[in-house]
N, C-alpha and C. Protein backbone atom coordinates (compact mmCIF):
# COMPACT_ATOMS: atom_id res chain seq x y z
N MET A 1 138.24 -114.43 10.51
CA MET A 1 138.23 -113.17 11.01
C MET A 1 139.69 -112.58 10.72
N ALA A 2 139.62 -111.43 10.23
CA ALA A 2 140.99 -110.69 9.66
C ALA A 2 141.74 -110.40 11.09
N LYS A 3 143.10 -110.66 10.66
CA LYS A 3 144.10 -110.15 11.96
C LYS A 3 143.94 -108.77 12.32
N LEU A 4 144.07 -108.48 13.54
CA LEU A 4 143.97 -107.21 14.13
C LEU A 4 145.33 -106.63 14.26
N ASN A 5 145.28 -105.11 13.90
CA ASN A 5 146.56 -104.25 14.41
C ASN A 5 146.43 -103.55 15.45
N TYR A 6 147.26 -102.78 15.92
CA TYR A 6 147.23 -101.93 17.14
C TYR A 6 146.16 -100.83 16.86
N MET A 7 145.93 -100.33 15.74
CA MET A 7 144.80 -99.37 15.50
C MET A 7 143.30 -99.91 15.64
N ASP A 8 143.33 -101.23 15.37
CA ASP A 8 141.92 -101.91 15.76
C ASP A 8 141.75 -101.90 17.05
N VAL A 9 142.72 -101.96 17.91
CA VAL A 9 142.56 -101.97 19.35
C VAL A 9 142.29 -100.71 20.06
N PHE A 10 142.74 -99.68 19.37
CA PHE A 10 142.43 -98.34 19.79
C PHE A 10 140.85 -98.17 19.45
N TRP A 11 140.23 -98.73 18.49
CA TRP A 11 138.95 -98.41 18.13
C TRP A 11 138.03 -99.56 18.76
N PHE A 12 138.33 -100.43 19.82
CA PHE A 12 137.53 -101.30 20.38
C PHE A 12 136.38 -100.43 21.01
N VAL A 13 135.19 -100.98 21.19
CA VAL A 13 134.12 -100.19 21.79
C VAL A 13 134.36 -99.76 23.30
N PRO A 14 134.83 -100.78 24.14
CA PRO A 14 135.27 -100.25 25.49
C PRO A 14 136.18 -99.16 25.47
N ASN A 15 137.18 -99.15 24.62
CA ASN A 15 138.05 -98.20 24.60
C ASN A 15 137.59 -96.83 24.18
N LEU A 16 136.64 -96.85 23.32
CA LEU A 16 135.89 -95.60 22.92
C LEU A 16 135.16 -95.11 24.00
N ILE A 17 134.57 -95.93 25.06
CA ILE A 17 133.86 -95.53 26.01
C ILE A 17 134.90 -94.89 27.11
N GLY A 18 136.04 -95.50 27.08
CA GLY A 18 137.33 -95.03 27.79
C GLY A 18 137.71 -93.72 27.55
N TYR A 19 137.82 -93.37 26.13
CA TYR A 19 137.94 -92.08 25.75
C TYR A 19 136.91 -91.06 26.07
N SER A 20 135.61 -91.45 26.00
CA SER A 20 134.55 -90.72 26.48
C SER A 20 134.56 -90.23 27.94
N ARG A 21 134.97 -91.19 28.72
CA ARG A 21 135.34 -90.94 30.17
C ARG A 21 136.60 -89.79 30.26
N VAL A 22 137.62 -89.93 29.53
CA VAL A 22 138.53 -89.02 29.56
C VAL A 22 138.13 -87.58 29.27
N ALA A 23 137.09 -87.46 28.29
CA ALA A 23 136.60 -86.25 27.86
C ALA A 23 135.59 -85.61 28.95
N LEU A 24 134.86 -86.51 29.51
CA LEU A 24 134.05 -86.10 30.58
C LEU A 24 134.68 -85.61 31.81
N THR A 25 135.84 -86.20 32.06
CA THR A 25 136.85 -85.89 33.10
C THR A 25 137.25 -84.37 32.84
N ALA A 26 137.63 -84.14 31.53
CA ALA A 26 138.18 -82.76 31.01
C ALA A 26 137.12 -81.71 31.49
N ILE A 27 135.89 -82.13 30.98
CA ILE A 27 134.73 -81.10 31.21
C ILE A 27 134.55 -80.87 32.81
N ALA A 28 134.62 -81.91 33.57
CA ALA A 28 134.51 -81.82 34.87
C ALA A 28 135.64 -80.89 35.70
N VAL A 29 136.73 -81.07 34.95
CA VAL A 29 137.97 -80.25 35.66
C VAL A 29 137.59 -78.85 35.21
N TYR A 30 137.35 -78.69 33.99
CA TYR A 30 137.06 -77.13 33.50
C TYR A 30 135.90 -76.54 34.39
N SER A 31 134.95 -77.48 34.77
CA SER A 31 133.68 -76.82 35.40
C SER A 31 134.13 -76.58 36.81
N MET A 32 135.06 -77.31 37.46
CA MET A 32 135.43 -77.25 38.82
C MET A 32 136.01 -75.79 38.82
N TYR A 33 136.94 -75.51 38.04
CA TYR A 33 137.79 -74.24 38.25
C TYR A 33 137.33 -73.08 37.66
N ASN A 34 136.14 -73.29 37.04
CA ASN A 34 135.32 -72.17 36.33
C ASN A 34 134.13 -71.93 37.07
N GLU A 35 133.81 -72.61 38.38
CA GLU A 35 132.65 -72.44 39.03
C GLU A 35 131.29 -72.83 38.53
N HIS A 36 131.32 -73.96 37.82
CA HIS A 36 130.07 -74.56 37.24
C HIS A 36 129.79 -75.92 38.05
N PRO A 37 129.34 -75.93 39.22
CA PRO A 37 129.06 -76.93 39.91
C PRO A 37 128.20 -78.06 39.32
N THR A 38 127.02 -77.62 38.54
CA THR A 38 126.13 -78.40 38.14
C THR A 38 126.58 -79.35 37.01
N LEU A 39 127.35 -78.54 36.08
CA LEU A 39 127.99 -79.43 34.94
C LEU A 39 129.21 -80.12 35.36
N MET A 40 129.68 -79.71 36.22
CA MET A 40 130.77 -80.62 36.95
C MET A 40 130.40 -81.78 37.56
N PHE A 41 129.24 -81.65 38.45
CA PHE A 41 128.55 -82.88 39.15
C PHE A 41 128.06 -83.89 38.06
N PHE A 42 127.25 -83.41 36.96
CA PHE A 42 126.89 -84.46 36.03
C PHE A 42 127.93 -85.03 35.16
N SER A 43 128.96 -84.33 34.66
CA SER A 43 130.05 -84.77 33.96
C SER A 43 130.89 -85.87 34.75
N TYR A 44 131.20 -85.51 35.96
CA TYR A 44 132.04 -86.45 36.76
C TYR A 44 131.14 -87.70 37.00
N ALA A 45 129.92 -87.61 37.40
CA ALA A 45 129.17 -88.69 37.83
C ALA A 45 128.70 -89.63 36.62
N LEU A 46 128.60 -89.04 35.42
CA LEU A 46 128.53 -89.79 34.11
C LEU A 46 129.79 -90.55 33.91
N SER A 47 131.05 -89.89 33.99
CA SER A 47 132.24 -90.55 33.78
C SER A 47 132.49 -91.91 34.79
N GLU A 48 131.77 -91.73 35.99
CA GLU A 48 132.07 -92.82 36.85
C GLU A 48 130.99 -93.89 36.58
N LEU A 49 129.76 -93.56 36.02
CA LEU A 49 128.85 -94.68 35.57
C LEU A 49 129.51 -95.45 34.44
N LEU A 50 130.03 -94.73 33.52
CA LEU A 50 130.66 -95.34 32.33
C LEU A 50 131.73 -96.46 32.75
N ASP A 51 132.33 -96.23 33.88
CA ASP A 51 133.20 -97.03 34.50
C ASP A 51 132.79 -98.49 34.23
N ALA A 52 131.46 -98.93 34.52
CA ALA A 52 131.07 -100.10 34.70
C ALA A 52 130.80 -100.62 33.12
N ALA A 53 130.39 -99.65 32.44
CA ALA A 53 130.09 -99.96 31.08
C ALA A 53 131.21 -100.42 30.15
N ASP A 54 132.40 -99.90 30.36
CA ASP A 54 133.41 -100.27 29.44
C ASP A 54 133.86 -101.81 29.68
N GLY A 55 133.79 -102.13 30.98
CA GLY A 55 134.23 -103.48 31.33
C GLY A 55 132.90 -104.56 30.74
N HIS A 56 131.86 -104.09 30.90
CA HIS A 56 130.74 -104.76 30.28
C HIS A 56 130.73 -105.22 28.94
N TYR A 57 131.06 -104.12 28.09
CA TYR A 57 131.31 -104.24 26.69
C TYR A 57 132.46 -105.02 26.25
N ALA A 58 133.48 -104.83 27.08
CA ALA A 58 134.74 -105.48 26.67
C ALA A 58 134.45 -107.05 26.61
N ARG A 59 133.82 -107.49 27.94
CA ARG A 59 133.58 -108.89 27.92
C ARG A 59 132.46 -109.37 26.95
N LYS A 60 131.47 -108.51 26.79
CA LYS A 60 130.34 -109.07 25.98
C LYS A 60 130.87 -109.05 24.50
N LEU A 61 131.65 -108.25 24.09
CA LEU A 61 132.16 -108.06 22.55
C LEU A 61 133.50 -108.93 22.34
N ASN A 62 133.97 -109.41 23.46
CA ASN A 62 135.26 -110.03 23.44
C ASN A 62 136.33 -109.15 23.13
N GLN A 63 136.20 -107.86 23.63
CA GLN A 63 137.30 -106.89 23.20
C GLN A 63 138.11 -106.41 24.48
N CYS A 64 138.44 -107.31 25.39
CA CYS A 64 139.49 -107.11 26.54
C CYS A 64 140.80 -106.76 25.98
N SER A 65 141.41 -105.87 26.60
CA SER A 65 142.84 -105.63 26.06
C SER A 65 143.49 -104.99 27.19
N LYS A 66 144.94 -105.24 27.09
CA LYS A 66 145.76 -104.50 28.01
C LYS A 66 145.76 -103.12 27.99
N PHE A 67 145.66 -102.65 26.81
CA PHE A 67 145.48 -101.07 26.69
C PHE A 67 144.22 -100.69 27.32
N GLY A 68 143.05 -101.36 27.25
CA GLY A 68 141.96 -100.94 27.89
C GLY A 68 141.99 -100.83 29.45
N GLU A 69 142.68 -101.93 29.87
CA GLU A 69 142.86 -102.06 31.36
C GLU A 69 143.72 -100.91 31.87
N VAL A 70 144.62 -100.59 31.13
CA VAL A 70 145.65 -99.49 31.82
C VAL A 70 144.76 -98.11 31.69
N LEU A 71 144.03 -97.96 30.41
CA LEU A 71 143.43 -96.64 30.23
C LEU A 71 142.38 -96.59 31.47
N ASP A 72 141.62 -97.65 31.75
CA ASP A 72 140.66 -97.60 32.72
C ASP A 72 141.26 -97.16 34.04
N MET A 73 142.39 -97.76 34.34
CA MET A 73 143.02 -97.60 35.64
C MET A 73 143.44 -96.13 35.74
N VAL A 74 144.27 -95.84 34.75
CA VAL A 74 144.82 -94.43 34.78
C VAL A 74 143.76 -93.47 34.78
N THR A 75 142.48 -93.49 34.05
CA THR A 75 141.48 -92.60 34.18
C THR A 75 140.80 -92.57 35.46
N ASP A 76 140.65 -93.65 36.23
CA ASP A 76 140.12 -93.78 37.54
C ASP A 76 141.01 -92.96 38.61
N ARG A 77 142.39 -93.26 38.32
CA ARG A 77 143.33 -92.62 39.21
C ARG A 77 143.34 -91.08 39.05
N CYS A 78 143.27 -90.78 37.80
CA CYS A 78 143.24 -89.26 37.52
C CYS A 78 142.09 -88.44 37.88
N THR A 79 141.03 -89.18 37.85
CA THR A 79 139.71 -88.36 38.02
C THR A 79 139.76 -88.15 39.61
N THR A 80 140.02 -89.43 40.44
CA THR A 80 139.87 -89.19 41.82
C THR A 80 141.12 -88.14 42.38
N THR A 81 142.08 -88.08 41.69
CA THR A 81 143.21 -87.14 42.22
C THR A 81 142.77 -85.72 42.06
N VAL A 82 142.11 -85.57 40.69
CA VAL A 82 141.73 -84.01 40.29
C VAL A 82 140.68 -83.66 41.47
N LEU A 83 139.75 -84.52 41.58
CA LEU A 83 138.75 -84.12 42.50
C LEU A 83 139.18 -83.89 44.04
N LEU A 84 139.88 -84.79 44.45
CA LEU A 84 140.60 -84.67 45.86
C LEU A 84 141.44 -83.38 46.00
N THR A 85 142.14 -83.02 45.05
CA THR A 85 143.08 -81.97 45.01
C THR A 85 142.21 -80.75 45.07
N TYR A 86 141.00 -80.73 44.35
CA TYR A 86 140.15 -79.47 44.40
C TYR A 86 139.39 -79.51 45.73
N LEU A 87 139.18 -80.51 46.29
CA LEU A 87 138.57 -80.61 47.69
C LEU A 87 139.54 -80.05 48.85
N ALA A 88 140.78 -80.28 48.42
CA ALA A 88 141.63 -79.59 49.50
C ALA A 88 141.78 -78.37 49.55
N GLN A 89 141.46 -77.87 48.38
CA GLN A 89 141.42 -76.33 48.18
C GLN A 89 139.95 -75.62 48.63
N LEU A 90 139.02 -76.35 48.48
CA LEU A 90 137.74 -75.94 49.04
C LEU A 90 137.62 -76.14 50.41
N TYR A 91 138.36 -77.10 51.24
CA TYR A 91 138.24 -77.37 52.51
C TYR A 91 139.72 -77.50 53.10
N PRO A 92 140.32 -76.38 53.23
CA PRO A 92 141.79 -76.34 53.66
C PRO A 92 142.15 -77.14 54.82
N LEU A 93 141.23 -77.06 55.85
CA LEU A 93 141.44 -77.83 57.08
C LEU A 93 141.52 -79.42 56.91
N MET A 94 140.99 -79.71 55.81
CA MET A 94 141.00 -81.36 55.49
C MET A 94 141.86 -81.64 54.34
N ALA A 95 142.76 -80.66 54.18
CA ALA A 95 143.84 -80.84 52.98
C ALA A 95 144.65 -81.97 53.11
N LEU A 96 145.11 -82.16 54.41
CA LEU A 96 146.10 -83.35 54.76
C LEU A 96 145.26 -84.58 54.55
N PRO A 97 144.17 -85.06 55.09
CA PRO A 97 143.59 -86.27 54.69
C PRO A 97 143.25 -86.36 53.29
N PHE A 98 142.97 -85.30 52.67
CA PHE A 98 142.52 -85.47 51.13
C PHE A 98 143.97 -85.93 50.46
N CYS A 99 145.00 -85.43 50.80
CA CYS A 99 146.43 -85.70 50.16
C CYS A 99 146.70 -87.21 50.53
N PHE A 100 146.62 -87.65 51.68
CA PHE A 100 146.78 -88.90 52.16
C PHE A 100 145.96 -89.85 51.24
N LEU A 101 144.84 -89.57 51.21
CA LEU A 101 143.81 -90.49 50.20
C LEU A 101 144.26 -90.55 48.81
N ILE A 102 144.87 -89.46 48.27
CA ILE A 102 145.38 -89.47 47.08
C ILE A 102 146.56 -90.39 46.87
N SER A 103 147.61 -90.25 47.79
CA SER A 103 148.72 -91.02 47.89
C SER A 103 148.42 -92.37 48.11
N LEU A 104 147.33 -92.76 48.93
CA LEU A 104 146.93 -94.16 49.19
C LEU A 104 146.39 -94.91 47.90
N ASP A 105 145.60 -93.96 47.16
CA ASP A 105 144.81 -94.73 46.04
C ASP A 105 145.93 -94.98 44.93
N ILE A 106 146.62 -94.17 44.66
CA ILE A 106 147.85 -94.41 43.59
C ILE A 106 148.63 -95.39 44.03
N SER A 107 149.29 -95.22 45.26
CA SER A 107 150.24 -96.17 45.58
C SER A 107 149.87 -97.83 45.77
N SER A 108 148.47 -97.96 46.35
CA SER A 108 147.97 -99.12 46.50
C SER A 108 147.57 -99.73 45.04
N HIS A 109 147.10 -99.04 44.12
CA HIS A 109 146.72 -99.59 42.91
C HIS A 109 148.07 -99.88 42.15
N TYR A 110 149.02 -99.00 42.16
CA TYR A 110 150.18 -99.30 41.53
C TYR A 110 150.89 -100.54 42.02
N MET A 111 151.10 -100.51 43.41
CA MET A 111 151.68 -101.87 43.93
C MET A 111 150.90 -103.15 43.56
N GLN A 112 149.52 -103.00 43.55
CA GLN A 112 148.69 -104.28 43.21
C GLN A 112 149.01 -104.74 41.77
N MET A 113 148.99 -103.56 40.86
CA MET A 113 149.20 -104.01 39.66
C MET A 113 150.62 -104.64 39.29
N TYR A 114 151.56 -103.88 39.80
CA TYR A 114 152.98 -104.36 39.64
C TYR A 114 153.17 -105.92 40.22
N ALA A 115 152.84 -106.09 41.51
CA ALA A 115 152.81 -107.26 42.10
C ALA A 115 152.03 -108.29 41.36
N GLN A 116 150.93 -108.20 40.78
CA GLN A 116 150.08 -109.16 40.10
C GLN A 116 150.71 -109.64 38.73
N LEU A 117 151.40 -108.56 38.05
CA LEU A 117 151.95 -108.89 36.76
C LEU A 117 153.27 -109.45 37.02
N ILE A 118 154.03 -109.21 37.95
CA ILE A 118 155.35 -109.60 38.14
C ILE A 118 155.38 -111.20 38.62
N THR A 119 154.21 -111.54 39.23
CA THR A 119 153.91 -112.74 39.82
C THR A 119 153.20 -113.79 38.79
N GLY A 120 153.19 -113.13 37.65
CA GLY A 120 152.42 -113.94 36.62
C GLY A 120 150.87 -113.82 36.39
N LYS A 121 150.40 -112.92 37.17
CA LYS A 121 148.93 -112.76 36.91
C LYS A 121 148.71 -112.00 35.48
N THR A 122 147.46 -111.99 34.91
CA THR A 122 147.27 -111.19 33.58
C THR A 122 146.80 -109.76 34.00
N ASN A 123 146.07 -109.47 35.24
CA ASN A 123 145.82 -108.04 35.41
C ASN A 123 145.65 -108.18 36.78
N HIS A 124 145.35 -106.77 37.43
CA HIS A 124 145.61 -106.50 38.66
C HIS A 124 144.38 -107.03 39.54
N LYS A 125 143.17 -107.47 38.65
CA LYS A 125 142.11 -107.86 39.57
C LYS A 125 142.07 -109.44 39.67
N GLN A 126 143.05 -110.00 39.15
CA GLN A 126 142.90 -111.49 39.17
C GLN A 126 143.47 -111.95 40.60
N MET A 127 142.51 -112.82 41.14
CA MET A 127 142.94 -113.23 42.47
C MET A 127 143.02 -114.79 42.54
N ASP A 128 144.08 -115.43 43.08
CA ASP A 128 144.30 -116.78 43.32
C ASP A 128 143.79 -117.13 44.89
N ASP A 129 143.96 -118.47 45.10
CA ASP A 129 143.51 -118.87 46.44
C ASP A 129 144.29 -118.38 47.63
N LYS A 130 145.58 -117.81 47.26
CA LYS A 130 146.24 -117.21 48.42
C LYS A 130 145.92 -115.84 48.77
N ALA A 131 145.02 -115.17 47.99
CA ALA A 131 144.90 -113.89 48.10
C ALA A 131 144.11 -113.56 49.38
N HIS A 132 144.16 -112.26 49.86
CA HIS A 132 143.35 -111.99 51.16
C HIS A 132 141.92 -112.14 50.79
N TRP A 133 141.16 -112.63 51.70
CA TRP A 133 139.65 -112.80 51.40
C TRP A 133 138.87 -111.57 51.11
N ILE A 134 139.11 -110.44 51.81
CA ILE A 134 138.63 -109.32 51.35
C ILE A 134 138.86 -108.72 49.90
N LEU A 135 140.12 -109.10 49.60
CA LEU A 135 140.53 -108.62 48.18
C LEU A 135 139.67 -109.55 47.28
N LYS A 136 139.70 -110.83 47.45
CA LYS A 136 139.05 -111.74 46.69
C LYS A 136 137.48 -111.33 46.66
N ALA A 137 136.80 -110.93 47.76
CA ALA A 137 135.42 -110.69 47.62
C ALA A 137 135.23 -109.36 46.93
N TYR A 138 136.23 -108.58 46.94
CA TYR A 138 136.05 -107.22 46.24
C TYR A 138 136.25 -107.24 44.86
N TYR A 139 137.39 -107.99 44.49
CA TYR A 139 137.56 -108.00 42.96
C TYR A 139 136.97 -109.17 42.23
N THR A 140 136.48 -110.06 42.83
CA THR A 140 135.72 -111.21 42.01
C THR A 140 134.33 -110.83 41.62
N ASP A 141 133.84 -110.15 42.59
CA ASP A 141 132.17 -109.78 42.16
C ASP A 141 132.15 -108.40 41.73
N ARG A 142 132.03 -108.30 40.32
CA ARG A 142 131.77 -107.14 39.72
C ARG A 142 130.97 -106.03 40.33
N ARG A 143 129.83 -106.56 40.97
CA ARG A 143 128.78 -105.83 41.42
C ARG A 143 129.42 -105.19 42.73
N VAL A 144 129.98 -105.85 43.46
CA VAL A 144 130.60 -105.41 44.71
C VAL A 144 131.76 -104.38 44.42
N LEU A 145 132.63 -104.67 43.39
CA LEU A 145 133.58 -103.72 42.85
C LEU A 145 133.03 -102.35 42.54
N PHE A 146 131.85 -102.50 41.77
CA PHE A 146 131.33 -101.24 41.19
C PHE A 146 130.81 -100.49 42.33
N ALA A 147 129.94 -101.09 43.29
CA ALA A 147 129.10 -100.55 44.53
C ALA A 147 130.26 -99.73 45.25
N PHE A 148 131.34 -100.23 45.55
CA PHE A 148 132.26 -99.60 46.51
C PHE A 148 132.95 -98.37 45.85
N CYS A 149 133.28 -98.61 44.56
CA CYS A 149 134.06 -97.73 43.84
C CYS A 149 133.13 -96.37 43.48
N PHE A 150 131.85 -96.78 43.03
CA PHE A 150 130.96 -95.54 42.78
C PHE A 150 130.52 -94.88 44.21
N GLY A 151 130.52 -95.68 45.22
CA GLY A 151 130.07 -95.15 46.49
C GLY A 151 131.09 -94.18 46.96
N ASN A 152 132.34 -94.67 46.76
CA ASN A 152 133.50 -93.79 47.29
C ASN A 152 133.60 -92.59 46.50
N GLU A 153 133.43 -92.56 45.07
CA GLU A 153 133.43 -91.43 44.46
C GLU A 153 132.17 -90.57 44.47
N ALA A 154 131.01 -91.21 44.84
CA ALA A 154 129.80 -90.43 45.16
C ALA A 154 129.99 -89.57 46.54
N PHE A 155 130.72 -89.98 47.55
CA PHE A 155 131.00 -89.50 48.75
C PHE A 155 131.88 -88.10 48.54
N PHE A 156 132.87 -88.38 47.74
CA PHE A 156 133.88 -87.11 47.39
C PHE A 156 133.15 -86.15 46.50
N LEU A 157 132.20 -86.63 45.56
CA LEU A 157 131.39 -85.78 44.76
C LEU A 157 130.37 -84.99 45.35
N LEU A 158 129.61 -85.63 46.45
CA LEU A 158 128.82 -84.77 47.23
C LEU A 158 129.44 -83.94 48.22
N ILE A 159 130.70 -83.96 48.82
CA ILE A 159 131.24 -83.04 49.35
C ILE A 159 131.59 -81.88 48.61
N TYR A 160 131.87 -82.19 47.42
CA TYR A 160 132.09 -81.03 46.66
C TYR A 160 130.98 -80.26 46.38
N LEU A 161 129.79 -80.88 46.04
CA LEU A 161 128.49 -80.27 45.84
C LEU A 161 128.17 -79.55 46.96
N ASN A 162 128.06 -80.02 48.18
CA ASN A 162 127.66 -79.50 49.43
C ASN A 162 128.07 -77.97 49.40
N LYS A 163 129.23 -77.74 48.90
CA LYS A 163 129.94 -76.43 49.04
C LYS A 163 128.96 -75.25 48.25
N TYR A 164 128.21 -75.78 47.47
CA TYR A 164 127.44 -74.95 46.49
C TYR A 164 125.93 -74.84 46.73
N LEU A 165 125.21 -75.82 47.51
CA LEU A 165 123.98 -75.93 47.77
C LEU A 165 123.43 -75.18 49.05
N THR A 166 122.14 -74.77 49.04
CA THR A 166 121.78 -74.19 50.34
C THR A 166 120.40 -74.66 50.52
N SER A 167 119.79 -74.46 51.61
CA SER A 167 118.50 -74.88 52.03
C SER A 167 118.27 -76.32 52.11
N TYR A 168 117.01 -76.80 51.57
CA TYR A 168 116.61 -78.10 51.54
C TYR A 168 117.59 -78.88 50.67
N ALA A 169 118.08 -78.42 49.47
CA ALA A 169 118.96 -79.22 48.65
C ALA A 169 120.41 -79.55 49.32
N TYR A 170 120.58 -78.51 50.16
CA TYR A 170 121.77 -78.78 51.06
C TYR A 170 121.48 -80.03 51.93
N ALA A 171 120.58 -79.98 52.66
CA ALA A 171 120.28 -80.90 53.71
C ALA A 171 119.94 -82.26 53.07
N ILE A 172 119.34 -82.39 51.87
CA ILE A 172 119.34 -83.82 51.27
C ILE A 172 120.72 -84.17 50.84
N SER A 173 121.63 -83.31 50.43
CA SER A 173 122.72 -83.77 49.92
C SER A 173 123.66 -84.07 50.92
N VAL A 174 123.51 -83.65 52.10
CA VAL A 174 124.18 -84.04 53.37
C VAL A 174 123.96 -85.27 53.88
N ALA A 175 122.62 -85.61 53.81
CA ALA A 175 122.18 -86.95 54.02
C ALA A 175 122.64 -87.95 53.09
N PHE A 176 122.79 -87.82 52.00
CA PHE A 176 123.53 -88.79 51.05
C PHE A 176 124.94 -88.81 51.26
N THR A 177 125.55 -87.80 51.57
CA THR A 177 127.04 -87.69 51.88
C THR A 177 127.15 -88.63 53.21
N LEU A 178 126.51 -88.55 54.07
CA LEU A 178 126.54 -89.40 55.35
C LEU A 178 126.25 -90.81 55.02
N ALA A 179 125.31 -91.05 54.30
CA ALA A 179 125.03 -92.50 53.89
C ALA A 179 126.28 -93.00 53.08
N ALA A 180 126.97 -92.30 52.37
CA ALA A 180 128.06 -92.74 51.48
C ALA A 180 129.40 -92.81 52.34
N PHE A 181 129.37 -92.24 53.38
CA PHE A 181 130.82 -92.13 54.12
C PHE A 181 131.26 -93.55 54.44
N PRO A 182 130.34 -94.39 55.08
CA PRO A 182 130.76 -95.78 55.33
C PRO A 182 131.47 -96.46 54.24
N VAL A 183 130.94 -96.39 53.10
CA VAL A 183 131.30 -96.84 51.78
C VAL A 183 132.70 -96.37 51.46
N CYS A 184 132.95 -95.13 51.83
CA CYS A 184 134.11 -94.59 51.49
C CYS A 184 135.25 -95.04 52.52
N VAL A 185 134.95 -95.22 53.72
CA VAL A 185 135.86 -95.78 54.73
C VAL A 185 136.13 -97.18 54.60
N ILE A 186 135.25 -98.06 54.13
CA ILE A 186 135.58 -99.38 53.66
C ILE A 186 136.38 -99.40 52.32
N LYS A 187 136.03 -98.67 51.39
CA LYS A 187 136.78 -98.64 50.15
C LYS A 187 138.37 -98.48 50.43
N ASN A 188 138.59 -97.23 51.22
CA ASN A 188 140.01 -97.09 51.57
C ASN A 188 140.67 -98.11 52.53
N THR A 189 139.96 -98.52 53.38
CA THR A 189 140.49 -99.64 54.12
C THR A 189 140.86 -100.98 53.33
N ILE A 190 139.99 -101.15 52.20
CA ILE A 190 140.59 -102.06 51.16
C ILE A 190 141.83 -101.82 50.57
N ASN A 191 141.97 -100.28 50.31
CA ASN A 191 143.23 -99.95 49.61
C ASN A 191 144.41 -100.14 50.55
N VAL A 192 144.15 -99.88 51.81
CA VAL A 192 145.32 -100.17 52.82
C VAL A 192 145.52 -101.62 52.76
N ILE A 193 144.75 -102.53 52.70
CA ILE A 193 144.77 -104.04 52.64
C ILE A 193 145.59 -104.37 51.36
N GLN A 194 145.06 -103.81 50.35
CA GLN A 194 145.73 -104.01 49.03
C GLN A 194 147.11 -103.51 48.97
N PHE A 195 147.58 -102.36 49.50
CA PHE A 195 148.86 -102.06 49.65
C PHE A 195 149.85 -103.15 50.46
N TYR A 196 149.16 -103.38 51.51
CA TYR A 196 149.96 -104.37 52.31
C TYR A 196 150.17 -105.58 51.67
N GLU A 197 149.13 -106.28 51.23
CA GLU A 197 149.24 -107.66 50.61
C GLU A 197 150.10 -107.57 49.41
N SER A 198 150.10 -106.47 48.56
CA SER A 198 151.04 -106.41 47.46
C SER A 198 152.53 -106.14 48.06
N SER A 199 152.69 -105.51 48.90
CA SER A 199 154.14 -105.40 49.60
C SER A 199 154.53 -106.66 49.91
N LYS A 200 153.61 -107.35 50.55
CA LYS A 200 154.11 -108.93 51.09
C LYS A 200 154.41 -109.80 49.92
N ASP A 201 153.60 -109.69 48.80
CA ASP A 201 153.88 -110.59 47.72
C ASP A 201 155.29 -110.18 46.99
N LEU A 202 155.48 -108.87 46.86
CA LEU A 202 156.73 -108.53 46.21
C LEU A 202 158.02 -108.84 47.22
N ALA A 203 157.85 -108.67 48.44
CA ALA A 203 158.82 -109.15 49.39
C ALA A 203 159.18 -110.53 49.47
N ARG A 204 158.12 -111.40 49.21
CA ARG A 204 158.21 -112.75 49.20
C ARG A 204 159.16 -113.05 47.94
N LEU A 205 158.66 -112.52 46.79
CA LEU A 205 159.39 -112.69 45.58
C LEU A 205 160.83 -112.30 45.64
N ASP A 206 161.07 -111.08 46.38
CA ASP A 206 162.56 -110.79 46.48
C ASP A 206 163.31 -111.63 47.36
N ALA A 207 162.70 -112.21 48.56
CA ALA A 207 163.34 -113.18 49.37
C ALA A 207 163.62 -114.40 48.70
N ALA A 208 162.85 -114.97 47.78
CA ALA A 208 162.90 -116.18 47.23
C ALA A 208 164.00 -115.99 46.02
N THR A 209 163.92 -114.82 45.39
CA THR A 209 164.88 -114.53 44.38
C THR A 209 166.39 -114.58 45.05
N LEU A 210 166.55 -113.94 46.14
CA LEU A 210 167.82 -113.63 46.84
C LEU A 210 168.21 -114.99 47.30
N ASN A 211 167.41 -115.86 48.02
CA ASN A 211 167.66 -117.12 48.49
C ASN A 211 168.17 -117.90 47.37
N GLU A 212 167.42 -117.98 46.22
CA GLU A 212 168.05 -118.66 45.13
C GLU A 212 169.41 -118.33 44.64
N ALA A 213 169.67 -116.99 44.47
CA ALA A 213 170.97 -116.41 44.14
C ALA A 213 172.04 -116.80 45.08
N ASN A 214 171.81 -116.73 46.49
CA ASN A 214 172.67 -116.99 47.48
C ASN A 214 173.12 -118.60 47.47
N ALA A 215 172.24 -119.33 47.02
CA ALA A 215 172.36 -120.79 47.19
C ALA A 215 173.37 -121.28 46.11
N LYS A 216 173.44 -120.54 44.97
CA LYS A 216 174.34 -120.91 43.82
C LYS A 216 175.69 -121.04 44.24
N PRO A 217 176.28 -119.94 44.92
CA PRO A 217 177.68 -120.11 45.21
C PRO A 217 178.07 -121.18 46.33
N THR A 218 177.05 -121.41 47.09
CA THR A 218 177.32 -122.34 48.16
C THR A 218 177.30 -123.78 47.37
N ALA A 219 176.27 -123.99 46.38
CA ALA A 219 176.58 -125.27 45.73
C ALA A 219 177.80 -125.48 44.97
N THR A 220 178.21 -124.55 44.28
CA THR A 220 179.45 -124.50 43.57
C THR A 220 180.64 -124.95 44.66
N THR A 221 180.72 -124.14 45.67
CA THR A 221 181.97 -124.29 46.67
C THR A 221 181.88 -125.67 47.12
N THR A 222 180.66 -126.24 47.51
CA THR A 222 180.60 -127.65 48.00
C THR A 222 181.01 -128.72 46.92
N THR A 223 180.76 -128.52 45.72
CA THR A 223 181.17 -129.29 44.71
C THR A 223 182.78 -129.31 44.56
N LYS A 224 183.55 -128.12 44.70
CA LYS A 224 184.80 -127.91 44.50
C LYS A 224 185.53 -128.66 45.75
N LYS A 225 184.92 -128.50 47.08
CA LYS A 225 185.44 -129.03 48.06
C LYS A 225 185.45 -130.65 48.05
N SER A 226 184.35 -131.08 47.34
CA SER A 226 184.20 -132.67 47.29
C SER A 226 185.19 -133.35 46.28
N LEU A 227 185.71 -132.41 45.36
CA LEU A 227 186.88 -132.75 44.37
C LEU A 227 188.12 -132.61 44.88
């Protein structure tokens, strides 16, 4: 097999799927701000469905990459942020909760990724025996991960769609919105746990590093006194 260079990684199939997600998100954003709810709904939903496809093909084709992992996470964070920002405009009374969810989503995933990498893990989804049981259940079963991520995004997407529907279509959409609400609550509770557990991991590392640094002068001083 020929050696790969960085351009080959850019052309990996899962990364091509990632680029299509970025394009679909751009279409969704354009549709939001130009009042095309149908186009926005389907482009955003398709982008979320493809979120499962990129990981599947990365494993199937042996094309997992750090670039692809970061592209996937950045795309996820950006799509959610854009939608929640627009929802804050559609529903001004709910602007504060939406802004809180944006902050929680970004901060919890950044903390998780940084904590995992700095403690020697290969990616933010890698869990060891010391990990919180909820995070292990969430990240180790891909079906669970996809179900909660998609359900969470579906809840926000349906809230957006409800603003433009009437009559029976509105009633059906509201029913689906209510069904997705518990998924959204659980998903964001997991984000809170993720933020807290990552904070603990980083604080433990800080404490260990400082203790090690503080112990060195003491050892040197003891040696001098013995002489």
